[in-house]
N, C-alpha and C. Protein backbone atom coordinates (compact mmCIF):
# COMPACT_ATOMS: atom_id res chain seq x y z
N UNK A 1 0.99 -1.20 -0.19
CA UNK A 1 0.08 -0.01 0.06
C UNK A 1 0.78 1.55 -0.40
N UNK A 2 0.50 2.33 -0.77
CA UNK A 2 0.90 3.56 -0.83
C UNK A 2 -0.24 4.43 -0.23
N UNK A 3 0.14 5.39 0.96
CA UNK A 3 -0.88 6.00 0.84
C UNK A 3 -0.56 7.50 1.22
N UNK A 4 -1.17 8.63 0.51
CA UNK A 4 -1.08 9.82 0.40
C UNK A 4 -1.89 10.24 1.58
N UNK A 5 -1.36 11.19 2.63
CA UNK A 5 -1.93 11.32 4.15
C UNK A 5 -2.24 12.90 3.98
N UNK A 6 -3.18 13.52 4.24
CA UNK A 6 -3.73 14.84 4.09
C UNK A 6 -4.65 15.27 5.31
N UNK A 7 -4.21 16.23 5.95
CA UNK A 7 -5.22 16.97 7.42
C UNK A 7 -5.37 18.43 7.31
N UNK A 8 -6.11 19.20 7.70
CA UNK A 8 -6.36 20.53 7.81
C UNK A 8 -6.21 21.15 6.63
N UNK A 9 -7.22 20.70 5.64
CA UNK A 9 -7.56 21.33 4.27
C UNK A 9 -8.23 22.67 4.40
N UNK A 10 -9.29 22.74 5.35
CA UNK A 10 -9.85 24.03 5.68
C UNK A 10 -10.28 24.61 4.62
N UNK A 11 -10.82 23.97 3.77
CA UNK A 11 -11.46 25.13 2.53
C UNK A 11 -10.66 25.11 1.50
N UNK A 12 -9.35 24.82 1.19
CA UNK A 12 -8.50 25.76 0.35
C UNK A 12 -8.54 24.77 -0.91
N UNK A 13 -9.43 25.12 -2.03
CA UNK A 13 -9.40 24.42 -2.88
C UNK A 13 -7.64 24.27 -3.75
N UNK A 14 -7.34 25.37 -3.53
CA UNK A 14 -5.76 25.19 -4.24
C UNK A 14 -5.23 24.47 -3.81
N UNK A 15 -5.21 24.22 -2.18
CA UNK A 15 -4.27 23.52 -1.38
C UNK A 15 -4.64 22.00 -1.71
N UNK A 16 -6.03 21.96 -1.94
CA UNK A 16 -6.55 20.30 -2.06
C UNK A 16 -5.90 19.85 -3.29
N UNK A 17 -6.06 20.42 -4.56
CA UNK A 17 -5.68 20.28 -5.56
C UNK A 17 -4.38 20.24 -5.82
N UNK A 18 -3.23 20.82 -5.05
CA UNK A 18 -1.89 20.64 -5.29
C UNK A 18 -1.44 19.73 -4.67
N UNK A 19 -2.31 19.33 -3.30
CA UNK A 19 -1.65 17.71 -2.65
C UNK A 19 -1.96 16.66 -3.38
N UNK A 20 -3.40 16.61 -4.08
CA UNK A 20 -3.80 15.49 -4.82
C UNK A 20 -3.07 15.13 -5.76
N UNK A 21 -2.58 16.42 -6.42
CA UNK A 21 -1.39 15.79 -7.37
C UNK A 21 -0.29 14.90 -7.34
N UNK A 22 0.09 14.98 -5.91
CA UNK A 22 0.94 13.65 -5.71
C UNK A 22 0.65 12.38 -5.47
N UNK A 23 -0.99 12.19 -5.43
CA UNK A 23 -1.56 10.61 -5.58
C UNK A 23 -0.85 9.89 -6.57
N UNK A 24 -0.98 10.83 -7.86
CA UNK A 24 -0.35 10.05 -8.84
C UNK A 24 1.30 10.23 -9.52
N UNK A 25 1.57 11.35 -8.77
CA UNK A 25 3.23 11.56 -8.87
C UNK A 25 3.67 10.49 -8.17
N UNK A 26 3.30 10.11 -6.74
CA UNK A 26 3.87 8.98 -5.86
C UNK A 26 3.44 7.63 -6.18
N UNK A 27 2.38 7.54 -7.40
CA UNK A 27 1.64 6.13 -7.65
C UNK A 27 1.07 5.66 -6.28
N UNK A 28 0.53 6.50 -5.72
CA UNK A 28 -0.54 6.10 -4.42
C UNK A 28 -2.05 4.93 -5.03
N UNK A 29 -2.28 4.42 -3.88
CA UNK A 29 -3.65 3.73 -4.22
C UNK A 29 -4.45 4.48 -3.11
N UNK A 30 -3.94 4.68 -2.00
CA UNK A 30 -4.95 5.23 -1.03
C UNK A 30 -4.69 6.52 -0.50
N UNK A 31 -5.91 7.02 -0.05
CA UNK A 31 -6.05 8.35 0.48
C UNK A 31 -6.34 8.64 1.86
N UNK A 32 -5.52 8.97 2.88
CA UNK A 32 -6.02 9.10 4.37
C UNK A 32 -6.38 10.75 4.68
N UNK A 33 -7.26 10.72 4.65
CA UNK A 33 -8.02 12.10 5.17
C UNK A 33 -8.56 12.38 6.45
N UNK A 34 -7.66 13.11 7.17
CA UNK A 34 -7.78 12.75 8.50
C UNK A 34 -8.39 14.53 9.01
N UNK A 35 -9.40 14.75 8.38
CA UNK A 35 -10.31 15.65 9.00
C UNK A 35 -10.23 17.20 8.92
N UNK A 36 -11.00 17.97 9.35
CA UNK A 36 -11.01 19.48 9.02
C UNK A 36 -11.03 20.19 7.72
N UNK A 37 -11.82 19.46 6.81
CA UNK A 37 -11.62 19.11 5.61
C UNK A 37 -12.10 20.57 4.81
N UNK A 38 -13.60 21.15 5.01
CA UNK A 38 -14.30 22.08 4.43
C UNK A 38 -14.13 23.26 4.89
N UNK A 39 -14.36 23.69 6.09
CA UNK A 39 -14.50 24.59 6.88
C UNK A 39 -13.24 25.16 8.04
N UNK A 40 -13.24 26.47 7.41
CA UNK A 40 -11.68 27.24 8.09
C UNK A 40 -11.79 27.43 9.24
N UNK A 41 -12.61 27.17 10.20
CA UNK A 41 -12.69 27.27 11.52
C UNK A 41 -12.82 28.68 11.89
N UNK A 42 -13.73 28.97 13.39
CA UNK A 42 -13.78 29.90 13.91
C UNK A 42 -12.45 30.90 14.24
N UNK A 43 -11.56 30.08 14.69
CA UNK A 43 -10.03 30.85 14.95
C UNK A 43 -9.02 31.00 13.84
N UNK A 44 -9.40 30.55 12.70
CA UNK A 44 -8.62 30.41 11.35
C UNK A 44 -8.70 31.61 10.51
N UNK A 45 -7.82 31.96 10.05
CA UNK A 45 -8.03 33.05 8.87
C UNK A 45 -8.75 32.04 7.59
N UNK A 46 -8.99 32.95 6.69
CA UNK A 46 -9.40 32.22 5.20
C UNK A 46 -8.32 32.07 4.58
N UNK A 47 -8.08 30.47 4.47
CA UNK A 47 -6.80 30.00 3.29
C UNK A 47 -6.88 30.58 2.43
N UNK A 48 -5.73 30.77 1.74
CA UNK A 48 -5.68 30.96 0.31
C UNK A 48 -6.20 30.09 -0.41
N UNK A 49 -7.24 30.68 -1.61
CA UNK A 49 -7.56 29.80 -2.39
C UNK A 49 -9.00 29.08 -1.80
N UNK A 50 -9.59 29.67 -0.88
CA UNK A 50 -10.64 29.24 -0.35
C UNK A 50 -11.89 28.88 -1.41
N UNK A 51 -12.33 27.94 -1.37
CA UNK A 51 -13.57 27.57 -1.65
C UNK A 51 -13.84 26.22 -1.70
N UNK A 52 -14.83 25.66 -0.54
CA UNK A 52 -15.21 24.45 -0.26
C UNK A 52 -15.55 23.59 -1.51
N UNK A 53 -16.34 23.95 -2.24
CA UNK A 53 -16.99 23.35 -3.04
C UNK A 53 -15.92 22.93 -4.00
N UNK A 54 -14.58 23.44 -4.20
CA UNK A 54 -13.70 23.44 -5.23
C UNK A 54 -12.80 21.78 -4.63
N UNK A 55 -13.13 22.09 -3.15
CA UNK A 55 -12.67 20.83 -2.40
C UNK A 55 -13.06 19.54 -2.31
N UNK A 56 -14.54 19.46 -2.48
CA UNK A 56 -15.21 18.65 -2.66
C UNK A 56 -15.10 18.15 -4.13
N UNK A 57 -15.21 18.93 -5.39
CA UNK A 57 -14.82 18.32 -6.62
C UNK A 57 -13.64 18.02 -6.65
N UNK A 58 -12.57 18.25 -6.00
CA UNK A 58 -10.93 17.86 -6.00
C UNK A 58 -11.18 16.32 -5.87
N UNK A 59 -11.61 16.47 -4.65
CA UNK A 59 -11.75 14.92 -3.73
C UNK A 59 -12.59 13.88 -4.46
N UNK A 60 -13.78 14.08 -5.35
CA UNK A 60 -14.74 13.59 -6.07
C UNK A 60 -13.84 11.85 -6.53
N UNK A 61 -12.91 12.38 -7.30
CA UNK A 61 -12.43 11.06 -7.99
C UNK A 61 -11.87 9.80 -7.19
N UNK A 62 -11.28 10.39 -6.01
CA UNK A 62 -10.50 9.65 -5.23
C UNK A 62 -11.75 8.96 -4.00
N UNK A 63 -12.62 8.99 -4.06
CA UNK A 63 -13.66 8.48 -3.04
C UNK A 63 -13.85 7.09 -2.83
N UNK A 64 -13.40 6.29 -3.93
CA UNK A 64 -13.74 4.98 -3.51
C UNK A 64 -12.22 4.53 -2.79
N UNK A 65 -11.03 5.33 -2.68
CA UNK A 65 -9.78 5.21 -2.18
C UNK A 65 -9.48 5.64 -0.56
N UNK A 66 -10.50 6.51 -0.47
CA UNK A 66 -10.36 7.52 0.77
C UNK A 66 -10.60 6.71 2.10
N UNK A 67 -9.94 6.73 3.15
CA UNK A 67 -10.23 6.45 4.32
C UNK A 67 -10.13 7.70 5.28
N UNK A 68 -11.22 8.23 5.45
CA UNK A 68 -11.47 9.62 6.25
C UNK A 68 -12.37 9.60 7.60
N UNK A 69 -11.41 10.52 8.56
CA UNK A 69 -11.89 10.78 9.93
C UNK A 69 -12.59 12.30 10.14
N UNK A 70 -13.48 12.43 10.89
CA UNK A 70 -14.24 13.70 11.42
C UNK A 70 -13.38 14.39 12.45
N UNK A 71 -12.75 15.70 11.79
CA UNK A 71 -12.39 16.62 12.66
C UNK A 71 -13.07 17.58 13.53
N UNK A 72 -12.62 18.29 14.34
CA UNK A 72 -13.39 18.95 15.05
C UNK A 72 -14.06 20.59 14.50
N UNK A 73 -13.60 20.86 13.12
CA UNK A 73 -14.31 21.67 12.49
C UNK A 73 -15.21 21.20 11.68
N UNK A 74 -15.26 19.93 11.50
CA UNK A 74 -16.09 19.34 10.49
C UNK A 74 -17.64 19.36 11.12
N UNK A 75 -18.63 19.89 10.49
CA UNK A 75 -20.08 20.24 10.69
C UNK A 75 -20.90 19.32 10.27
N UNK A 76 -21.81 18.88 10.44
CA UNK A 76 -22.72 17.90 9.77
C UNK A 76 -23.10 18.53 8.28
N UNK A 77 -23.65 19.83 8.30
CA UNK A 77 -23.68 20.10 6.77
C UNK A 77 -22.30 20.10 5.99
N UNK A 78 -21.21 20.30 6.68
CA UNK A 78 -19.92 19.90 5.47
C UNK A 78 -20.28 18.45 5.13
N UNK A 79 -20.28 17.41 5.98
CA UNK A 79 -19.74 16.16 5.72
C UNK A 79 -21.01 15.76 4.71
N UNK A 80 -22.30 16.30 4.85
CA UNK A 80 -23.28 16.00 3.61
C UNK A 80 -22.80 16.23 2.12
N UNK A 81 -21.69 17.23 2.00
CA UNK A 81 -21.30 17.51 0.68
C UNK A 81 -20.37 16.58 0.28
N UNK A 82 -19.86 15.40 1.01
CA UNK A 82 -18.51 14.95 0.85
C UNK A 82 -19.09 13.46 0.66
N UNK A 83 -19.16 12.55 -0.28
CA UNK A 83 -19.95 11.72 -0.79
C UNK A 83 -18.79 10.56 -0.39
N UNK A 84 -18.55 10.38 0.71
CA UNK A 84 -17.68 9.24 1.09
C UNK A 84 -18.12 9.01 2.69
N UNK A 85 -17.72 7.46 2.98
CA UNK A 85 -17.90 7.34 4.52
C UNK A 85 -16.72 8.06 5.30
N UNK A 86 -16.99 8.40 6.03
CA UNK A 86 -16.51 9.49 7.24
C UNK A 86 -16.54 8.76 8.74
N UNK A 87 -15.45 8.32 9.12
CA UNK A 87 -15.73 7.89 10.69
C UNK A 87 -15.47 8.88 11.93
N UNK A 88 -16.60 9.11 12.67
CA UNK A 88 -16.52 10.03 13.76
C UNK A 88 -15.50 10.24 14.29
N UNK A 89 -14.74 9.20 15.12
CA UNK A 89 -13.84 9.40 16.05
C UNK A 89 -12.61 8.70 15.44
N UNK A 90 -12.61 7.43 14.99
CA UNK A 90 -11.20 6.96 14.60
C UNK A 90 -11.51 5.88 13.49
N UNK A 91 -10.43 5.49 12.70
CA UNK A 91 -10.54 4.44 11.63
C UNK A 91 -9.46 3.68 11.72
N UNK A 92 -9.36 2.09 11.58
CA UNK A 92 -8.06 1.49 11.72
C UNK A 92 -8.10 1.08 10.57
N UNK A 93 -6.78 1.09 9.79
CA UNK A 93 -6.44 0.35 8.72
C UNK A 93 -5.60 -0.65 8.83
N UNK A 94 -5.79 -1.86 8.48
CA UNK A 94 -4.91 -2.89 8.37
C UNK A 94 -4.25 -3.46 7.43
N UNK A 95 -3.03 -3.11 7.06
CA UNK A 95 -2.23 -3.30 6.25
C UNK A 95 -1.27 -4.35 6.34
N UNK A 96 -1.56 -5.57 5.86
CA UNK A 96 -0.66 -6.53 6.35
C UNK A 96 -0.21 -6.98 7.58
N UNK A 97 0.94 -6.80 8.04
CA UNK A 97 1.09 -6.77 9.63
C UNK A 97 1.33 -5.52 10.30
N UNK A 98 1.05 -4.39 9.25
CA UNK A 98 0.87 -3.15 10.05
C UNK A 98 -0.42 -2.75 10.46
N UNK A 99 -0.59 -2.02 11.90
CA UNK A 99 -2.01 -1.63 12.07
C UNK A 99 -1.88 -0.10 12.44
N UNK A 100 -2.45 0.56 11.66
CA UNK A 100 -2.57 1.97 11.82
C UNK A 100 -4.07 2.98 12.09
N UNK A 101 -3.75 3.73 13.09
CA UNK A 101 -4.75 4.32 13.93
C UNK A 101 -5.08 5.37 13.19
N UNK A 102 -6.25 6.01 12.69
CA UNK A 102 -6.49 7.40 12.09
C UNK A 102 -7.28 7.84 12.79
N UNK A 103 -7.08 9.05 13.23
CA UNK A 103 -7.87 10.05 14.33
C UNK A 103 -7.67 11.18 13.93
N UNK A 104 -8.73 12.60 13.95
CA UNK A 104 -8.15 14.02 14.10
C UNK A 104 -7.08 14.34 14.85
N UNK A 105 -7.08 13.89 15.96
CA UNK A 105 -6.19 14.41 17.24
C UNK A 105 -6.84 14.66 18.10
N UNK A 106 -7.93 15.53 18.32
CA UNK A 106 -8.94 16.06 19.23
C UNK A 106 -9.46 15.31 20.48
N UNK A 107 -9.51 14.11 19.79
CA UNK A 107 -10.19 13.22 21.03
C UNK A 107 -9.13 12.78 21.89
N UNK A 108 -8.01 11.49 21.09
CA UNK A 108 -7.48 10.81 21.67
C UNK A 108 -6.20 11.45 21.75
N UNK A 109 -5.41 11.64 22.39
CA UNK A 109 -4.26 12.32 22.97
C UNK A 109 -2.98 11.91 22.23
N UNK A 110 -2.39 12.21 21.33
CA UNK A 110 -1.25 11.17 20.73
C UNK A 110 -0.15 10.95 21.63
N UNK A 111 0.17 12.06 22.61
CA UNK A 111 1.21 11.87 23.53
C UNK A 111 1.41 10.65 24.39
N UNK A 112 0.18 10.22 24.69
CA UNK A 112 0.20 9.11 25.84
C UNK A 112 -0.65 7.79 25.31
N UNK A 113 -0.95 8.04 23.58
CA UNK A 113 -1.60 6.99 23.17
C UNK A 113 -0.51 5.46 22.99
N UNK A 114 -1.57 4.55 24.03
CA UNK A 114 -0.65 3.07 24.15
C UNK A 114 -0.82 2.26 22.62
N UNK A 115 -0.29 1.24 22.72
CA UNK A 115 -0.15 0.39 21.68
C UNK A 115 -1.46 -0.84 21.64
N UNK A 116 -1.81 -0.65 22.84
CA UNK A 116 -2.89 -1.70 23.12
C UNK A 116 -4.14 -0.89 23.08
N UNK A 117 -4.52 0.00 22.69
CA UNK A 117 -5.63 0.99 22.31
C UNK A 117 -6.69 0.34 22.02
N UNK A 118 -6.67 -0.30 21.14
CA UNK A 118 -7.88 -1.22 20.52
C UNK A 118 -8.31 -2.05 21.63
N UNK A 119 -7.91 -2.63 22.41
CA UNK A 119 -8.41 -3.46 23.45
C UNK A 119 -9.54 -2.75 24.02
N UNK A 120 -9.33 -1.52 24.42
CA UNK A 120 -10.29 -0.76 25.15
C UNK A 120 -11.42 -0.27 23.94
N UNK A 121 -10.75 0.29 23.01
CA UNK A 121 -11.40 0.95 21.95
C UNK A 121 -12.56 -0.16 21.14
N UNK A 122 -12.26 -1.35 21.17
CA UNK A 122 -12.76 -2.00 20.04
C UNK A 122 -12.84 -3.86 20.83
N UNK A 123 -13.56 -3.45 22.10
CA UNK A 123 -13.40 -4.96 22.93
C UNK A 123 -14.43 -5.68 22.12
N UNK A 124 -13.88 -7.21 21.92
CA UNK A 124 -14.59 -7.93 21.62
C UNK A 124 -14.63 -8.00 19.99
N UNK A 125 -13.92 -6.98 19.24
CA UNK A 125 -13.86 -7.39 17.99
C UNK A 125 -12.90 -7.98 17.27
N UNK A 126 -13.03 -9.59 16.98
CA UNK A 126 -12.00 -10.25 16.80
C UNK A 126 -10.86 -9.91 15.82
N UNK A 127 -11.52 -8.77 14.95
CA UNK A 127 -10.46 -8.40 14.17
C UNK A 127 -9.29 -7.48 14.64
N UNK A 128 -9.61 -6.61 15.58
CA UNK A 128 -8.91 -5.40 16.21
C UNK A 128 -8.59 -5.82 17.65
N UNK A 129 -9.46 -6.24 18.45
CA UNK A 129 -9.08 -6.61 19.89
C UNK A 129 -7.82 -7.55 20.40
N UNK A 130 -6.78 -6.46 20.92
CA UNK A 130 -5.77 -6.93 21.25
C UNK A 130 -4.61 -7.23 20.22
N UNK A 131 -4.86 -6.19 19.01
CA UNK A 131 -3.96 -6.28 17.97
C UNK A 131 -3.15 -4.72 18.39
N UNK A 132 -1.87 -4.73 18.48
CA UNK A 132 -1.41 -3.88 18.82
C UNK A 132 -1.34 -2.63 17.33
N UNK A 133 -1.35 -1.34 17.87
CA UNK A 133 -1.13 -0.22 17.03
C UNK A 133 0.05 -0.08 17.07
N UNK A 134 0.71 0.17 15.62
CA UNK A 134 2.26 0.32 15.03
C UNK A 134 2.04 1.90 15.15
N UNK A 135 1.06 2.64 14.20
CA UNK A 135 1.23 4.09 13.93
C UNK A 135 0.13 4.76 14.70
N UNK A 136 0.08 5.65 15.10
CA UNK A 136 -1.47 6.76 15.34
C UNK A 136 -0.88 7.92 14.34
N UNK A 137 -1.85 7.90 13.17
CA UNK A 137 -1.59 9.02 12.10
C UNK A 137 -2.84 10.27 12.41
N UNK A 138 -2.64 11.43 12.86
CA UNK A 138 -3.48 12.27 13.39
C UNK A 138 -3.36 13.94 12.72
N UNK A 139 -4.00 14.67 12.91
CA UNK A 139 -3.74 15.97 12.23
C UNK A 139 -3.86 17.24 13.49
N UNK A 140 -4.67 17.90 13.53
CA UNK A 140 -5.38 19.01 14.45
C UNK A 140 -4.51 20.03 14.53
N UNK A 141 -3.13 19.89 15.18
CA UNK A 141 -2.36 20.55 15.46
C UNK A 141 -1.38 21.51 14.26
N UNK A 142 -1.74 21.55 12.93
CA UNK A 142 -1.28 21.91 11.92
C UNK A 142 0.61 21.70 12.07
N UNK A 143 1.14 20.88 12.63
CA UNK A 143 2.42 21.12 12.94
C UNK A 143 2.76 19.71 12.69
N UNK A 144 3.90 19.49 11.24
CA UNK A 144 4.09 17.90 11.26
C UNK A 144 5.20 17.71 12.39
N UNK A 145 4.77 16.05 12.32
CA UNK A 145 5.55 15.38 13.37
C UNK A 145 5.73 13.97 12.94
N UNK A 146 6.73 13.38 13.27
CA UNK A 146 7.17 12.12 12.89
C UNK A 146 7.96 11.43 13.94
N UNK A 147 7.71 11.08 15.17
CA UNK A 147 8.44 10.39 16.23
C UNK A 147 7.52 9.78 17.17
N UNK A 148 8.34 8.95 17.79
CA UNK A 148 7.51 8.11 19.01
C UNK A 148 7.46 8.32 19.98
N UNK A 149 6.18 8.43 20.54
CA UNK A 149 5.94 8.88 21.70
C UNK A 149 6.28 7.65 22.90
N UNK A 150 6.12 7.87 24.09
CA UNK A 150 7.07 7.38 25.32
C UNK A 150 6.25 6.00 25.21
N UNK A 151 5.12 5.66 24.75
CA UNK A 151 4.54 4.28 24.78
C UNK A 151 4.99 3.67 23.65
N UNK A 152 5.82 3.94 23.12
CA UNK A 152 6.48 3.27 21.48
C UNK A 152 5.76 3.42 20.39
N UNK A 153 4.37 4.19 20.05
CA UNK A 153 3.67 4.30 19.28
C UNK A 153 4.11 5.41 18.44
N UNK A 154 4.74 5.12 17.06
CA UNK A 154 4.77 6.22 16.23
C UNK A 154 3.74 7.10 15.86
N UNK A 155 4.39 8.42 15.94
CA UNK A 155 3.13 9.64 15.88
C UNK A 155 3.74 10.12 14.46
N UNK A 156 2.52 10.46 13.26
CA UNK A 156 2.78 10.69 12.13
C UNK A 156 1.68 11.65 12.10
N UNK A 157 1.92 13.13 11.81
CA UNK A 157 1.38 14.41 11.77
C UNK A 157 1.71 14.81 10.33
N UNK A 158 0.81 15.00 9.41
CA UNK A 158 1.46 15.60 8.22
C UNK A 158 1.39 16.83 8.35
N UNK A 159 1.07 17.52 9.13
CA UNK A 159 0.81 19.03 8.64
C UNK A 159 -0.60 19.42 8.43
N UNK A 160 -0.46 20.65 7.90
CA UNK A 160 -1.65 21.31 7.14
C UNK A 160 -1.21 21.60 5.91
N UNK A 161 -2.32 21.20 4.86
CA UNK A 161 -1.57 21.79 3.42
C UNK A 161 -2.03 23.33 3.06
N UNK A 162 -2.99 23.73 4.32
CA UNK A 162 -3.37 25.54 3.66
C UNK A 162 -3.07 26.34 4.94
N UNK A 163 -2.69 25.80 6.44
CA UNK A 163 -2.84 26.80 7.17
C UNK A 163 -1.76 26.10 8.17
N UNK A 164 -0.80 26.11 8.00
CA UNK A 164 0.27 25.26 8.84
C UNK A 164 0.85 26.44 10.03
N UNK A 165 1.27 25.61 10.83
CA UNK A 165 1.62 26.53 12.00
C UNK A 165 2.96 26.03 12.59
N UNK A 166 3.67 27.11 13.56
CA UNK A 166 4.86 26.77 13.94
C UNK A 166 6.02 27.23 13.02
N UNK A 167 5.89 28.11 12.12
CA UNK A 167 6.79 28.52 11.14
C UNK A 167 6.99 27.39 10.20
N UNK A 168 6.21 26.46 9.97
CA UNK A 168 6.39 25.33 8.70
C UNK A 168 5.58 25.78 7.62
N UNK A 169 6.29 25.06 6.69
CA UNK A 169 5.54 25.29 5.43
C UNK A 169 4.30 24.34 5.15
N UNK A 170 3.36 24.66 4.36
CA UNK A 170 2.51 23.52 3.85
C UNK A 170 2.93 22.23 3.83
N UNK A 171 2.39 21.19 4.21
CA UNK A 171 3.12 20.07 4.14
C UNK A 171 2.00 18.78 3.92
N UNK A 172 2.19 17.26 3.61
CA UNK A 172 1.60 16.57 3.66
C UNK A 172 2.68 15.15 3.96
N UNK A 173 1.72 14.14 4.10
CA UNK A 173 2.66 12.80 4.25
C UNK A 173 2.37 11.83 3.25
N UNK A 174 3.17 10.85 3.38
CA UNK A 174 3.22 9.58 2.54
C UNK A 174 3.50 8.34 3.47
N UNK A 175 2.74 7.18 3.01
CA UNK A 175 2.85 5.87 4.03
C UNK A 175 3.16 4.94 2.96
N UNK A 176 4.27 4.09 2.90
CA UNK A 176 4.97 2.86 2.07
C UNK A 176 5.06 1.91 2.86
N UNK A 177 4.26 1.03 2.16
CA UNK A 177 4.55 -0.71 2.70
C UNK A 177 4.42 -1.75 1.46
N UNK A 178 5.47 -2.44 1.53
CA UNK A 178 5.38 -3.61 0.32
C UNK A 178 4.37 -4.59 0.81
N UNK A 179 3.05 -4.52 0.30
CA UNK A 179 2.25 -5.68 0.86
C UNK A 179 2.07 -5.74 2.23
N UNK A 180 2.48 -4.61 3.11
CA UNK A 180 2.12 -4.62 4.15
C UNK A 180 3.25 -5.24 4.77
N UNK A 181 4.15 -5.76 4.46
CA UNK A 181 5.31 -6.17 5.40
C UNK A 181 6.58 -5.18 5.92
N UNK A 182 7.11 -5.27 6.84
CA UNK A 182 8.06 -4.94 7.39
C UNK A 182 9.29 -4.38 6.61
N UNK A 183 10.06 -3.45 6.26
CA UNK A 183 9.39 -2.13 7.33
C UNK A 183 8.54 -1.43 6.33
N UNK A 184 7.94 -0.56 7.01
CA UNK A 184 6.69 0.27 6.50
C UNK A 184 7.42 1.67 6.69
N UNK A 185 7.33 2.90 6.18
CA UNK A 185 7.79 3.99 6.03
C UNK A 185 7.19 5.02 6.07
N UNK A 186 7.31 6.17 6.60
CA UNK A 186 6.35 6.98 6.64
C UNK A 186 7.37 8.23 6.47
N UNK A 187 7.23 9.22 5.25
CA UNK A 187 7.72 10.76 5.09
C UNK A 187 7.11 11.89 5.13
N UNK A 188 7.21 13.04 5.42
CA UNK A 188 6.80 14.05 5.49
C UNK A 188 7.20 14.90 4.32
N UNK A 189 6.38 15.37 3.57
CA UNK A 189 6.83 16.27 2.29
C UNK A 189 6.19 17.43 2.22
N UNK A 190 7.09 18.92 1.75
CA UNK A 190 6.87 19.74 1.66
C UNK A 190 5.55 20.17 0.21
N UNK A 191 4.61 20.98 0.48
CA UNK A 191 3.65 21.03 -0.53
C UNK A 191 3.60 21.57 -2.02
N UNK A 192 4.69 22.66 -1.71
CA UNK A 192 5.08 23.22 -3.10
C UNK A 192 5.71 22.18 -4.07
N UNK A 193 6.90 21.60 -3.54
CA UNK A 193 7.57 20.76 -4.57
C UNK A 193 7.79 19.00 -4.21
N UNK A 194 6.69 18.94 -3.46
CA UNK A 194 6.90 17.48 -3.05
C UNK A 194 8.49 16.83 -2.19
N UNK A 195 9.29 18.03 -1.84
CA UNK A 195 10.51 17.13 -1.27
C UNK A 195 10.53 16.84 0.04
N UNK A 196 11.11 16.03 0.41
CA UNK A 196 10.98 15.06 1.71
C UNK A 196 11.76 16.07 2.68
N UNK A 197 10.92 15.99 4.07
CA UNK A 197 11.43 16.82 4.81
C UNK A 197 12.18 16.10 6.05
N UNK A 198 11.50 14.78 6.08
CA UNK A 198 11.87 13.53 7.37
C UNK A 198 11.02 12.45 7.12
N UNK A 199 11.57 11.58 7.50
CA UNK A 199 10.83 10.12 7.04
C UNK A 199 11.44 9.26 8.39
N UNK A 200 10.32 8.05 8.36
CA UNK A 200 10.90 7.12 9.71
C UNK A 200 9.99 5.88 9.10
N UNK A 201 10.86 4.58 9.78
CA UNK A 201 10.38 3.34 9.11
C UNK A 201 10.05 2.61 10.47
N UNK A 202 9.26 1.24 10.59
CA UNK A 202 8.91 0.75 11.46
C UNK A 202 9.01 -0.61 11.31
N UNK A 203 10.26 -1.30 11.80
CA UNK A 203 10.80 -2.74 11.79
C UNK A 203 9.55 -3.84 11.71
């Protein structure tokens, strides 16, 4: 699997189209969409190229290949415009021996997220209960991150495509694994030219 990871588009059609251009450039087959997709949010300025319906149209060709979660700025009226299944709190992606936990980041705190979280979040589910999480993929902060927390879970935040914070440029993430086998690789890339800022592997 090779997945493009986007978060916090906040209604910027320009940023959405630019980010999605890397789906083909990197030969991706999946798109992880981490929330705050259409609404800019009451605390944020309007991003450049603001146009929520442009974001909707840009995402349409990929809807069968998207795994999406809801962000704290995603209202019901926004989600009605997105013709795809969107998980309210979290989604789990199984890729061979890799287990990826996707959430926006405002409900499950990344810094203390444990590898055995699915035992509590999906009790009795034979496909998930007891399976350790290898990576927690989230957004919300608008600041990219690629490091393990003290629980040993790799934290992957692609940053924001349209409203980055902390002096960072607009960014996106990439997940790569050959048939779900170890090692899996995560990387963070600049939106303007796709150049890599950081990478990490899970053995």
